[in-house]
Amino acid sequence: MKIYHLEHVYTWINDKNEEISEVKSIGTFSSKEKIISVIEQLKGKPGFVNHPVECFEIHEGNLDTFGWKDGFCSWEDALENI
Protein backbone atom coordinates (compact mmCIF):
# COMPACT_ATOMS: atom_id res chain seq x y z
CA MET A 1 0.00 0.00 0.00
CA LYS A 2 1.40 3.41 -1.01
CA ILE A 3 1.62 6.04 1.75
CA TYR A 4 2.70 9.68 1.76
CA HIS A 5 4.55 11.45 4.58
CA LEU A 6 4.47 15.23 4.90
CA GLU A 7 7.29 17.24 6.45
CA HIS A 8 8.08 20.94 6.70
CA VAL A 9 11.82 21.51 6.19
CA TYR A 10 13.91 24.68 6.17
CA THR A 11 17.41 25.84 7.15
CA TRP A 12 18.58 28.94 8.97
CA ILE A 13 21.87 30.38 10.28
CA ASN A 14 22.26 30.67 14.05
CA ASP A 15 24.26 33.30 15.95
CA LYS A 16 27.41 31.12 15.64
CA ASN A 17 27.07 31.20 11.82
CA GLU A 18 26.09 27.50 11.79
CA GLU A 19 23.49 26.20 9.35
CA ILE A 20 20.63 24.58 11.25
CA SER A 21 17.99 22.37 9.62
CA GLU A 22 14.49 22.41 11.07
CA VAL A 23 12.29 19.43 10.22
CA LYS A 24 8.70 19.12 11.38
CA SER A 25 6.99 15.80 10.76
CA ILE A 26 3.39 16.71 10.02
CA GLY A 27 1.80 13.35 9.29
CA THR A 28 1.38 10.29 7.11
CA PHE A 29 -1.52 10.06 4.70
CA SER A 30 -3.12 7.65 2.24
CA SER A 31 -3.17 10.05 -0.73
CA LYS A 32 -1.47 13.09 -2.18
CA GLU A 33 -4.88 14.78 -2.33
CA LYS A 34 -5.12 14.65 1.48
CA ILE A 35 -1.65 16.10 1.79
CA ILE A 36 -2.51 18.99 -0.55
CA SER A 37 -5.51 19.72 1.67
CA VAL A 38 -3.31 19.75 4.79
CA ILE A 39 -0.78 22.07 3.12
CA GLU A 40 -3.61 24.45 2.21
CA GLN A 41 -4.74 24.45 5.85
CA LEU A 42 -1.24 25.03 7.26
CA LYS A 43 0.49 27.40 4.83
CA GLY A 44 -1.12 30.52 6.36
CA LYS A 45 -0.66 29.48 10.01
CA PRO A 46 1.93 31.03 12.35
CA GLY A 47 5.43 29.80 11.57
CA PHE A 48 4.50 28.18 8.27
CA VAL A 49 3.48 31.54 6.78
CA ASN A 50 7.08 32.76 7.23
CA HIS A 51 8.44 30.17 4.76
CA PRO A 52 7.75 29.39 1.10
CA VAL A 53 5.29 26.61 0.33
CA GLU A 54 8.22 24.67 -1.17
CA CYS A 55 9.34 23.92 2.40
CA PHE A 56 6.55 21.33 2.53
CA GLU A 57 8.07 18.01 1.40
CA ILE A 58 6.10 14.93 0.39
CA HIS A 59 7.84 11.57 0.74
CA GLU A 60 6.29 8.50 -0.86
CA GLY A 61 6.65 5.07 0.67
CA ASN A 62 5.08 1.67 0.98
CA LEU A 63 3.43 0.33 4.09
CA ASP A 64 5.15 -2.56 5.87
CA THR A 65 8.52 -2.07 4.15
CA PHE A 66 11.81 -0.87 5.58
CA GLY A 67 15.19 0.34 4.45
CA TRP A 68 18.77 -0.06 5.65
CA LYS A 69 18.44 -3.85 5.43
CA ASP A 70 22.22 -4.24 5.25
CA GLY A 71 22.92 -1.85 8.14
CA PHE A 72 24.79 1.47 7.88
CA CYS A 73 28.21 3.01 8.48
CA SER A 74 29.29 6.39 9.79
CA TRP A 75 30.29 9.24 7.48
CA GLU A 76 33.88 8.80 8.66
CA ASP A 77 33.86 5.11 7.65
CA ALA A 78 32.28 5.93 4.28
CA LEU A 79 34.87 8.62 3.53
CA GLU A 80 37.73 6.23 4.37
CA ASN A 81 36.49 3.85 1.65
CA ILE A 82 36.54 6.44 -1.13
C-alpha atoms as a PDB file:
ATOM      1  CA  MET A   1       0.000   0.000   0.000  1.00  0.00           C
ATOM      2  CA  LYS A   2       1.399   3.408  -1.012  1.00  0.00           C
ATOM      3  CA  ILE A   3       1.618   6.041   1.749  1.00  0.00           C
ATOM      4  CA  TYR A   4       2.702   9.684   1.765  1.00  0.00           C
ATOM      5  CA  HIS A   5       4.547  11.449   4.584  1.00  0.00           C
ATOM      6  CA  LEU A   6       4.468  15.234   4.895  1.00  0.00           C
ATOM      7  CA  GLU A   7       7.290  17.245   6.451  1.00  0.00           C
ATOM      8  CA  HIS A   8       8.081  20.945   6.697  1.00  0.00           C
ATOM      9  CA  VAL A   9      11.823  21.510   6.192  1.00  0.00           C
ATOM     10  CA  TYR A  10      13.914  24.678   6.171  1.00  0.00           C
ATOM     11  CA  THR A  11      17.407  25.843   7.153  1.00  0.00           C
ATOM     12  CA  TRP A  12      18.580  28.941   8.970  1.00  0.00           C
ATOM     13  CA  ILE A  13      21.869  30.378  10.277  1.00  0.00           C
ATOM     14  CA  ASN A  14      22.257  30.673  14.047  1.00  0.00           C
ATOM     15  CA  ASP A  15      24.260  33.302  15.945  1.00  0.00           C
ATOM     16  CA  LYS A  16      27.410  31.121  15.645  1.00  0.00           C
ATOM     17  CA  ASN A  17      27.067  31.197  11.822  1.00  0.00           C
ATOM     18  CA  GLU A  18      26.093  27.502  11.795  1.00  0.00           C
ATOM     19  CA  GLU A  19      23.486  26.202   9.353  1.00  0.00           C
ATOM     20  CA  ILE A  20      20.631  24.577  11.251  1.00  0.00           C
ATOM     21  CA  SER A  21      17.990  22.367   9.624  1.00  0.00           C
ATOM     22  CA  GLU A  22      14.493  22.409  11.073  1.00  0.00           C
ATOM     23  CA  VAL A  23      12.292  19.428  10.222  1.00  0.00           C
ATOM     24  CA  LYS A  24       8.703  19.118  11.377  1.00  0.00           C
ATOM     25  CA  SER A  25       6.989  15.797  10.755  1.00  0.00           C
ATOM     26  CA  ILE A  26       3.386  16.708  10.022  1.00  0.00           C
ATOM     27  CA  GLY A  27       1.799  13.345   9.295  1.00  0.00           C
ATOM     28  CA  THR A  28       1.383  10.294   7.112  1.00  0.00           C
ATOM     29  CA  PHE A  29      -1.525  10.060   4.700  1.00  0.00           C
ATOM     30  CA  SER A  30      -3.122   7.654   2.243  1.00  0.00           C
ATOM     31  CA  SER A  31      -3.169  10.051  -0.733  1.00  0.00           C
ATOM     32  CA  LYS A  32      -1.473  13.094  -2.184  1.00  0.00           C
ATOM     33  CA  GLU A  33      -4.885  14.783  -2.326  1.00  0.00           C
ATOM     34  CA  LYS A  34      -5.122  14.645   1.480  1.00  0.00           C
ATOM     35  CA  ILE A  35      -1.647  16.104   1.788  1.00  0.00           C
ATOM     36  CA  ILE A  36      -2.511  18.988  -0.554  1.00  0.00           C
ATOM     37  CA  SER A  37      -5.514  19.716   1.666  1.00  0.00           C
ATOM     38  CA  VAL A  38      -3.312  19.748   4.787  1.00  0.00           C
ATOM     39  CA  ILE A  39      -0.777  22.070   3.124  1.00  0.00           C
ATOM     40  CA  GLU A  40      -3.610  24.446   2.213  1.00  0.00           C
ATOM     41  CA  GLN A  41      -4.737  24.450   5.851  1.00  0.00           C
ATOM     42  CA  LEU A  42      -1.243  25.026   7.260  1.00  0.00           C
ATOM     43  CA  LYS A  43       0.486  27.403   4.828  1.00  0.00           C
ATOM     44  CA  GLY A  44      -1.115  30.521   6.362  1.00  0.00           C
ATOM     45  CA  LYS A  45      -0.663  29.480  10.010  1.00  0.00           C
ATOM     46  CA  PRO A  46       1.934  31.031  12.351  1.00  0.00           C
ATOM     47  CA  GLY A  47       5.434  29.800  11.569  1.00  0.00           C
ATOM     48  CA  PHE A  48       4.500  28.183   8.268  1.00  0.00           C
ATOM     49  CA  VAL A  49       3.483  31.536   6.775  1.00  0.00           C
ATOM     50  CA  ASN A  50       7.083  32.760   7.226  1.00  0.00           C
ATOM     51  CA  HIS A  51       8.436  30.172   4.763  1.00  0.00           C
ATOM     52  CA  PRO A  52       7.748  29.388   1.097  1.00  0.00           C
ATOM     53  CA  VAL A  53       5.286  26.613   0.335  1.00  0.00           C
ATOM     54  CA  GLU A  54       8.219  24.666  -1.174  1.00  0.00           C
ATOM     55  CA  CYS A  55       9.338  23.919   2.403  1.00  0.00           C
ATOM     56  CA  PHE A  56       6.553  21.326   2.534  1.00  0.00           C
ATOM     57  CA  GLU A  57       8.070  18.014   1.396  1.00  0.00           C
ATOM     58  CA  ILE A  58       6.105  14.934   0.387  1.00  0.00           C
ATOM     59  CA  HIS A  59       7.840  11.566   0.744  1.00  0.00           C
ATOM     60  CA  GLU A  60       6.290   8.503  -0.864  1.00  0.00           C
ATOM     61  CA  GLY A  61       6.653   5.066   0.666  1.00  0.00           C
ATOM     62  CA  ASN A  62       5.082   1.671   0.980  1.00  0.00           C
ATOM     63  CA  LEU A  63       3.425   0.328   4.093  1.00  0.00           C
ATOM     64  CA  ASP A  64       5.150  -2.562   5.873  1.00  0.00           C
ATOM     65  CA  THR A  65       8.520  -2.068   4.154  1.00  0.00           C
ATOM     66  CA  PHE A  66      11.806  -0.866   5.583  1.00  0.00           C
ATOM     67  CA  GLY A  67      15.193   0.343   4.451  1.00  0.00           C
ATOM     68  CA  TRP A  68      18.767  -0.060   5.652  1.00  0.00           C
ATOM     69  CA  LYS A  69      18.436  -3.847   5.427  1.00  0.00           C
ATOM     70  CA  ASP A  70      22.221  -4.240   5.250  1.00  0.00           C
ATOM     71  CA  GLY A  71      22.918  -1.848   8.145  1.00  0.00           C
ATOM     72  CA  PHE A  72      24.789   1.466   7.884  1.00  0.00           C
ATOM     73  CA  CYS A  73      28.209   3.010   8.476  1.00  0.00           C
ATOM     74  CA  SER A  74      29.292   6.390   9.790  1.00  0.00           C
ATOM     75  CA  TRP A  75      30.292   9.242   7.475  1.00  0.00           C
ATOM     76  CA  GLU A  76      33.876   8.798   8.662  1.00  0.00           C
ATOM     77  CA  ASP A  77      33.858   5.112   7.646  1.00  0.00           C
ATOM     78  CA  ALA A  78      32.283   5.929   4.284  1.00  0.00           C
ATOM     79  CA  LEU A  79      34.867   8.620   3.529  1.00  0.00           C
ATOM     80  CA  GLU A  80      37.727   6.231   4.366  1.00  0.00           C
ATOM     81  CA  ASN A  81      36.485   3.852   1.654  1.00  0.00           C
ATOM     82  CA  ILE A  82      36.539   6.444  -1.128  1.00  0.00           C
END
